[in-house]
Amino acid sequence: MTKETILITGASGQIGTVLTEELRKRYGSDAILQTDIRLPEERQGHFEVLDVLDAGQLTRLIRKYHVRQVYHLAAILSAKGEKNPKWAWEINMAGLFNILEAAREFGIRVFFPSSIAVFGGMTPRVNTPQYAVLQPETVYGISKVAGENWCQYFYQKYGVDVRSVRYPGIISYQSMPGGGTTDYAVEIYHNAVKGEPYTCFLEANTRLPMMYMPDAIRATLELMEAPAASVKIRSSYNLAGMSFTPAEVAAEIKKHIPGFQATYEADFRQNIAASWPESIDDGSAREDWGWQPEYGLEEMTADMLAHLKEYYQVALM
């Protein structure tokens, strides 16, 4: 291939699945290279198996496909990471370092997804500022703080054009989440459409920042397509969409499905959620590159239920 290519690691994950489709629409299928640790059952376009710990394979793919941008989505998320911290640290940190080293060598633009997991109990929980105390309480959050610092270092030391946002919880109908503390906000919609009750692993009034997938994808692409001079923060930008509790989601769903029932049995993820903010101040992203969310809880719920109704081919009663 001679055409310049965009490489996505973790392309089979919750965000990667949707991001791949949007990038195809914008740049054409031939310009997108999906990679993941294993081949998916169904795939379209260019797909290569890539273990992000294998720097040699990464380099070979960059050369083979003339890669000019990387969206580095491969990571072990918060809940899974707590079950095997050493494994999560190795995947999250060594994988990112391999990407940054390759970006330095080949002059590649990099997107690195950080997370609200970088915050901790010492962080203001309401309207968490861009520059706040970062004392995370999970290995996932620790790896994201370290990743932000490495991104800034590679920008300042080597001029690597690396860009990042701190995602809140991401909600989508296109794909299931992969082991995070905010997974309930996807699972609850699936149960509702299937006519099943839902038992939430967080307490009813646990308020967390969330974002609908269309907003998350749009924010990602707007940042990556912004002029370099507009990207003034090279660690990671705060990003906000909406904030709500499990009880508020259930109440909104019941407006569409009156018979839906939710109960609450908190597990170890409650302690993780308790260390995260309730709401985020993303003023820097709005000022620097014009970020503006489009979806609130009401709009998102209507859209989620409509798409999942079509997916499950059931009638909402």
Protein backbone atom coordinates (compact mmCIF):
# COMPACT_ATOMS: atom_id res chain seq x y z
CA MET A 1 0.00 0.00 0.00
CA THR A 2 1.14 3.54 -0.73
CA LYS A 3 -1.85 5.43 0.66
CA GLU A 4 -1.40 6.92 4.13
CA THR A 5 -3.27 4.94 6.75
CA ILE A 6 -4.89 5.42 10.16
CA LEU A 7 -4.19 2.56 12.58
CA ILE A 8 -6.54 1.71 15.44
CA THR A 9 -5.41 -0.50 18.32
CA GLY A 10 -8.15 -2.20 20.32
CA ALA A 11 -10.41 -1.82 17.28
CA SER A 12 -12.78 -4.56 18.45
CA GLY A 13 -13.57 -2.80 21.73
CA GLN A 14 -16.53 -0.62 22.71
CA ILE A 15 -15.10 2.64 21.34
CA GLY A 16 -12.94 1.10 18.64
CA THR A 17 -15.89 -0.59 16.94
CA VAL A 18 -17.77 2.67 16.49
CA LEU A 19 -14.72 4.83 15.81
CA THR A 20 -13.67 2.49 12.99
CA GLU A 21 -16.99 2.95 11.22
CA GLU A 22 -16.86 6.74 11.51
CA LEU A 23 -13.29 6.89 10.26
CA ARG A 24 -14.25 4.74 7.28
CA LYS A 25 -17.02 7.18 6.41
CA ARG A 26 -14.63 10.11 6.54
CA TYR A 27 -11.49 8.69 4.94
CA GLY A 28 -12.57 5.54 3.09
CA SER A 29 -12.23 1.91 4.13
CA ASP A 30 -8.83 1.48 2.48
CA ALA A 31 -7.35 4.20 4.69
CA ILE A 32 -8.23 2.42 7.96
CA LEU A 33 -6.24 -0.41 9.54
CA GLN A 34 -7.97 -2.19 12.42
CA THR A 35 -5.83 -4.12 14.88
CA ASP A 36 -6.56 -6.15 17.99
CA ILE A 37 -5.13 -9.01 20.00
CA ARG A 38 -7.24 -11.52 18.04
CA LEU A 39 -9.24 -11.71 14.83
CA PRO A 40 -12.95 -10.90 15.25
CA GLU A 41 -15.58 -13.36 14.02
CA GLU A 42 -16.73 -10.83 11.45
CA ARG A 43 -14.53 -8.16 9.93
CA GLN A 44 -14.47 -5.72 7.07
CA GLY A 45 -11.59 -3.88 5.48
CA HIS A 46 -7.99 -4.17 6.60
CA PHE A 47 -7.46 -6.09 9.85
CA GLU A 48 -4.21 -7.30 11.39
CA VAL A 49 -3.59 -9.10 14.66
CA LEU A 50 -1.47 -6.90 16.93
CA ASP A 51 -0.35 -7.40 20.50
CA VAL A 52 0.53 -3.86 21.57
CA LEU A 53 3.40 -5.29 23.62
CA ASP A 54 5.03 -6.47 20.37
CA ALA A 55 6.96 -3.40 19.23
CA GLY A 56 8.40 -5.26 16.26
CA GLN A 57 5.00 -6.14 14.83
CA LEU A 58 3.81 -2.58 15.39
CA THR A 59 6.76 -1.26 13.40
CA ARG A 60 6.17 -3.75 10.59
CA LEU A 61 2.54 -2.69 10.27
CA ILE A 62 3.43 1.01 10.29
CA ARG A 63 5.86 0.45 7.43
CA LYS A 64 3.60 -1.92 5.49
CA TYR A 65 0.56 0.37 5.59
CA HIS A 66 2.32 3.77 5.68
CA VAL A 67 0.59 4.67 8.94
CA ARG A 68 0.40 8.40 9.71
CA GLN A 69 -2.07 8.40 12.63
CA VAL A 70 -2.70 6.00 15.51
CA TYR A 71 -5.76 5.84 17.73
CA HIS A 72 -4.40 3.83 20.65
CA LEU A 73 -7.49 2.33 22.29
CA ALA A 74 -6.09 -1.00 23.51
CA ALA A 75 -6.20 -1.07 27.33
CA ILE A 76 -7.37 -3.01 30.36
CA LEU A 77 -10.24 -1.11 32.00
CA SER A 78 -10.93 -0.34 35.66
CA ALA A 79 -12.90 -3.35 36.92
CA LYS A 80 -10.80 -5.94 35.07
CA GLY A 81 -7.62 -4.16 36.06
CA GLU A 82 -8.36 -4.46 39.77
CA LYS A 83 -8.51 -8.24 39.42
CA ASN A 84 -5.01 -8.41 37.92
CA PRO A 85 -3.11 -5.15 38.54
CA LYS A 86 0.30 -6.24 37.22
CA TRP A 87 -1.17 -7.47 33.93
CA ALA A 88 -3.20 -4.27 33.52
CA TRP A 89 -0.17 -2.09 34.22
CA GLU A 90 1.98 -3.95 31.69
CA ILE A 91 -0.63 -3.79 28.93
CA ASN A 92 -1.58 -0.18 29.52
CA MET A 93 1.90 1.26 30.01
CA ALA A 94 4.19 -0.83 27.81
CA GLY A 95 1.61 -0.69 25.01
CA LEU A 96 1.45 3.11 25.14
CA PHE A 97 5.23 3.41 25.32
CA ASN A 98 5.58 1.29 22.18
CA ILE A 99 3.11 3.56 20.38
CA LEU A 100 4.89 6.73 21.48
CA GLU A 101 8.31 5.38 20.49
CA ALA A 102 6.95 4.47 17.05
CA ALA A 103 5.33 7.90 16.74
CA ARG A 104 8.66 9.54 17.54
CA GLU A 105 10.47 7.42 14.94
CA PHE A 106 7.94 7.75 12.12
CA GLY A 107 6.40 11.19 12.78
CA ILE A 108 2.92 9.87 13.59
CA ARG A 109 0.02 11.73 15.21
CA VAL A 110 -1.34 9.81 18.23
CA PHE A 111 -4.66 9.78 20.05
CA PHE A 112 -4.46 8.51 23.64
CA PRO A 113 -7.72 8.04 25.59
CA SER A 114 -7.39 8.98 29.23
CA SER A 115 -10.24 8.73 31.72
CA ILE A 116 -11.96 10.23 34.73
CA ALA A 117 -10.23 7.35 36.55
CA VAL A 118 -7.20 9.68 36.88
CA PHE A 119 -9.05 11.47 39.67
CA GLY A 120 -9.31 10.23 43.24
CA GLY A 121 -10.61 11.00 46.68
CA MET A 122 -8.57 14.22 46.97
CA THR A 123 -10.06 15.65 43.77
CA PRO A 124 -13.03 18.06 43.97
CA ARG A 125 -16.01 15.90 42.98
CA VAL A 126 -18.26 18.63 41.57
CA ASN A 127 -17.14 20.44 38.41
CA THR A 128 -13.72 18.82 38.66
CA PRO A 129 -11.26 21.36 37.18
CA GLN A 130 -8.84 20.70 34.34
CA TYR A 131 -5.88 21.03 36.67
CA ALA A 132 -6.74 19.02 39.75
CA VAL A 133 -5.02 16.67 42.16
CA LEU A 134 -4.49 13.34 40.42
CA GLN A 135 -4.37 10.58 43.03
CA PRO A 136 -6.21 7.66 41.40
CA GLU A 137 -7.31 4.67 43.43
CA THR A 138 -7.23 1.99 40.69
CA VAL A 139 -4.41 0.56 38.61
CA TYR A 140 -6.35 1.72 35.54
CA GLY A 141 -6.32 5.29 36.83
CA ILE A 142 -2.66 5.06 37.82
CA SER A 143 -1.78 3.92 34.31
CA LYS A 144 -3.78 6.75 32.77
CA VAL A 145 -2.04 9.40 34.89
CA ALA A 146 1.32 7.95 33.92
CA GLY A 147 0.17 7.80 30.30
CA GLU A 148 -0.82 11.47 30.32
CA ASN A 149 2.61 12.38 31.63
CA TRP A 150 4.36 10.26 29.01
CA CYS A 151 2.28 11.90 26.28
CA GLN A 152 3.24 15.36 27.47
CA TYR A 153 6.89 14.28 27.77
CA PHE A 154 7.04 12.95 24.21
CA TYR A 155 5.44 16.16 22.94
CA GLN A 156 7.81 18.43 24.84
CA LYS A 157 10.97 16.33 24.34
CA TYR A 158 10.49 14.99 20.81
CA GLY A 159 7.67 17.03 19.29
CA VAL A 160 5.32 14.04 18.97
CA ASP A 161 1.85 15.31 18.04
CA VAL A 162 -0.07 13.45 20.73
CA ARG A 163 -3.61 14.40 21.73
CA SER A 164 -5.84 13.10 24.51
CA VAL A 165 -9.16 13.45 26.31
CA ARG A 166 -10.31 12.17 29.68
CA TYR A 167 -13.39 10.15 28.75
CA PRO A 168 -16.26 9.90 31.21
CA GLY A 169 -18.35 6.71 31.15
CA ILE A 170 -19.25 5.90 27.53
CA ILE A 171 -22.71 4.64 26.58
CA SER A 172 -23.54 3.07 23.22
CA TYR A 173 -25.99 0.72 21.52
CA GLN A 174 -23.46 -0.46 18.91
CA SER A 175 -21.17 -2.45 21.19
CA MET A 176 -20.98 -3.73 24.74
CA PRO A 177 -18.50 -2.29 27.26
CA GLY A 178 -15.43 -4.22 28.29
CA GLY A 179 -15.08 -4.33 32.05
CA GLY A 180 -15.44 -0.78 33.32
CA THR A 181 -17.11 0.71 36.38
CA THR A 182 -19.73 2.55 34.28
CA ASP A 183 -20.82 -0.57 32.33
CA TYR A 184 -24.19 -0.54 34.10
CA ALA A 185 -25.28 2.44 32.01
CA VAL A 186 -25.20 0.25 28.90
CA GLU A 187 -26.41 -3.01 30.42
CA ILE A 188 -29.50 -1.39 31.94
CA TYR A 189 -30.84 -0.38 28.51
CA HIS A 190 -30.36 -3.86 27.08
CA ASN A 191 -32.28 -5.45 29.96
CA ALA A 192 -35.07 -2.92 29.66
CA VAL A 193 -35.60 -3.56 25.95
CA LYS A 194 -35.53 -7.33 26.52
CA GLY A 195 -38.24 -6.95 29.15
CA GLU A 196 -35.93 -8.04 31.96
CA PRO A 197 -35.30 -6.40 35.34
CA TYR A 198 -31.81 -5.10 36.01
CA THR A 199 -29.68 -5.44 39.13
CA CYS A 200 -27.18 -2.57 39.21
CA PHE A 201 -23.74 -3.08 40.78
CA LEU A 202 -23.68 0.54 41.99
CA GLU A 203 -25.84 2.22 44.60
CA ALA A 204 -28.92 4.00 43.28
CA ASN A 205 -27.69 7.55 43.92
CA THR A 206 -24.11 7.18 42.64
CA ARG A 207 -23.68 10.16 40.33
CA LEU A 208 -21.00 9.89 37.65
CA PRO A 209 -20.04 11.79 34.48
CA MET A 210 -21.26 10.04 31.32
CA MET A 211 -21.25 10.59 27.57
CA TYR A 212 -23.20 9.16 24.67
CA MET A 213 -21.05 7.47 22.05
CA PRO A 214 -21.86 9.90 19.20
CA ASP A 215 -20.55 12.76 21.33
CA ALA A 216 -17.46 10.76 22.34
CA ILE A 217 -16.58 9.92 18.74
CA ARG A 218 -17.21 13.49 17.58
CA ALA A 219 -15.02 14.89 20.37
CA THR A 220 -12.23 12.48 19.48
CA LEU A 221 -12.26 13.40 15.80
CA GLU A 222 -12.65 17.13 16.44
CA LEU A 223 -9.55 17.06 18.64
CA MET A 224 -7.53 14.99 16.16
CA GLU A 225 -8.53 17.24 13.26
CA ALA A 226 -7.96 20.53 15.12
CA PRO A 227 -4.99 22.69 14.10
CA ALA A 228 -1.95 21.86 16.22
CA ALA A 229 -1.84 25.43 17.53
CA SER A 230 -5.31 24.97 19.05
CA VAL A 231 -4.24 21.93 21.07
CA LYS A 232 -2.74 23.67 24.08
CA ILE A 233 -2.92 20.78 26.56
CA ARG A 234 -0.74 17.79 25.70
CA SER A 235 -1.43 15.71 28.80
CA SER A 236 -5.22 15.27 28.48
CA TYR A 237 -8.33 17.43 28.21
CA ASN A 238 -11.26 17.14 30.59
CA LEU A 239 -14.35 16.11 28.62
CA ALA A 240 -17.95 16.29 29.80
CA GLY A 241 -21.34 15.28 28.47
CA MET A 242 -23.88 14.69 31.24
CA SER A 243 -23.99 13.42 34.82
CA PHE A 244 -26.62 11.11 36.30
CA THR A 245 -27.28 8.32 38.81
CA PRO A 246 -28.48 4.75 38.18
CA ALA A 247 -31.84 5.70 39.69
CA GLU A 248 -32.20 8.62 37.26
CA VAL A 249 -31.46 6.35 34.29
CA ALA A 250 -34.05 3.85 35.49
CA ALA A 251 -36.63 6.62 35.91
CA GLU A 252 -35.98 7.92 32.39
CA ILE A 253 -36.30 4.41 30.95
CA LYS A 254 -39.63 3.94 32.77
CA LYS A 255 -41.04 6.91 30.84
CA HIS A 256 -40.73 4.69 27.76
CA ILE A 257 -41.11 1.24 29.39
CA PRO A 258 -43.36 1.70 32.46
CA GLY A 259 -42.96 -1.89 33.65
CA PHE A 260 -39.17 -1.76 33.87
CA GLN A 261 -37.72 -2.56 37.30
CA ALA A 262 -34.22 -1.87 38.64
CA THR A 263 -32.68 -2.99 41.92
CA TYR A 264 -29.30 -2.16 43.43
CA GLU A 265 -26.68 -4.49 44.90
CA ALA A 266 -23.37 -2.67 45.13
CA ASP A 267 -20.16 -4.67 44.67
CA PHE A 268 -16.45 -3.75 44.62
CA ARG A 269 -17.08 -1.28 41.80
CA GLN A 270 -18.94 1.00 44.21
CA ASN A 271 -15.67 1.90 45.92
CA ILE A 272 -14.13 2.72 42.54
CA ALA A 273 -17.07 4.93 41.58
CA ALA A 274 -16.94 6.69 44.96
CA SER A 275 -13.42 7.92 44.14
CA TRP A 276 -14.48 9.49 40.84
CA PRO A 277 -16.04 12.93 40.18
CA GLU A 278 -19.75 13.62 39.93
CA SER A 279 -19.32 16.27 37.22
CA ILE A 280 -16.52 17.66 35.07
CA ASP A 281 -15.44 21.16 34.08
CA ASP A 282 -14.37 20.89 30.43
CA GLY A 283 -13.96 24.61 29.80
CA SER A 284 -10.47 24.18 28.31
CA ALA A 285 -11.73 21.83 25.58
CA ARG A 286 -14.59 24.21 24.79
CA GLU A 287 -12.27 27.20 24.57
CA ASP A 288 -9.32 25.59 22.74
CA TRP A 289 -11.02 23.51 20.04
CA GLY A 290 -14.72 24.30 20.33
CA TRP A 291 -16.04 21.21 22.10
CA GLN A 292 -19.80 21.17 22.75
CA PRO A 293 -21.87 18.08 23.71
CA GLU A 294 -25.19 17.42 21.98
CA TYR A 295 -26.83 14.69 24.09
CA GLY A 296 -28.38 14.78 27.55
CA LEU A 297 -29.99 11.88 29.45
CA GLU A 298 -33.43 12.40 27.87
CA GLU A 299 -32.17 12.52 24.28
CA MET A 300 -29.76 9.64 24.80
CA THR A 301 -32.38 7.38 26.37
CA ALA A 302 -34.83 7.86 23.52
CA ASP A 303 -32.12 7.13 20.97
CA MET A 304 -30.71 4.12 22.84
CA LEU A 305 -34.12 2.50 23.22
CA ALA A 306 -35.05 3.10 19.59
CA HIS A 307 -31.88 1.47 18.30
CA LEU A 308 -31.99 -1.43 20.76
CA LYS A 309 -35.64 -2.04 19.92
CA GLU A 310 -34.61 -2.47 16.31
CA TYR A 311 -31.69 -4.67 17.35
CA TYR A 312 -33.75 -7.05 19.47
CA GLN A 313 -36.82 -6.77 17.22
CA VAL A 314 -39.16 -6.44 20.15
CA ALA A 315 -42.03 -4.01 20.74
CA LEU A 316 -41.59 -1.46 23.49
CA MET A 317 -44.70 -1.61 25.64
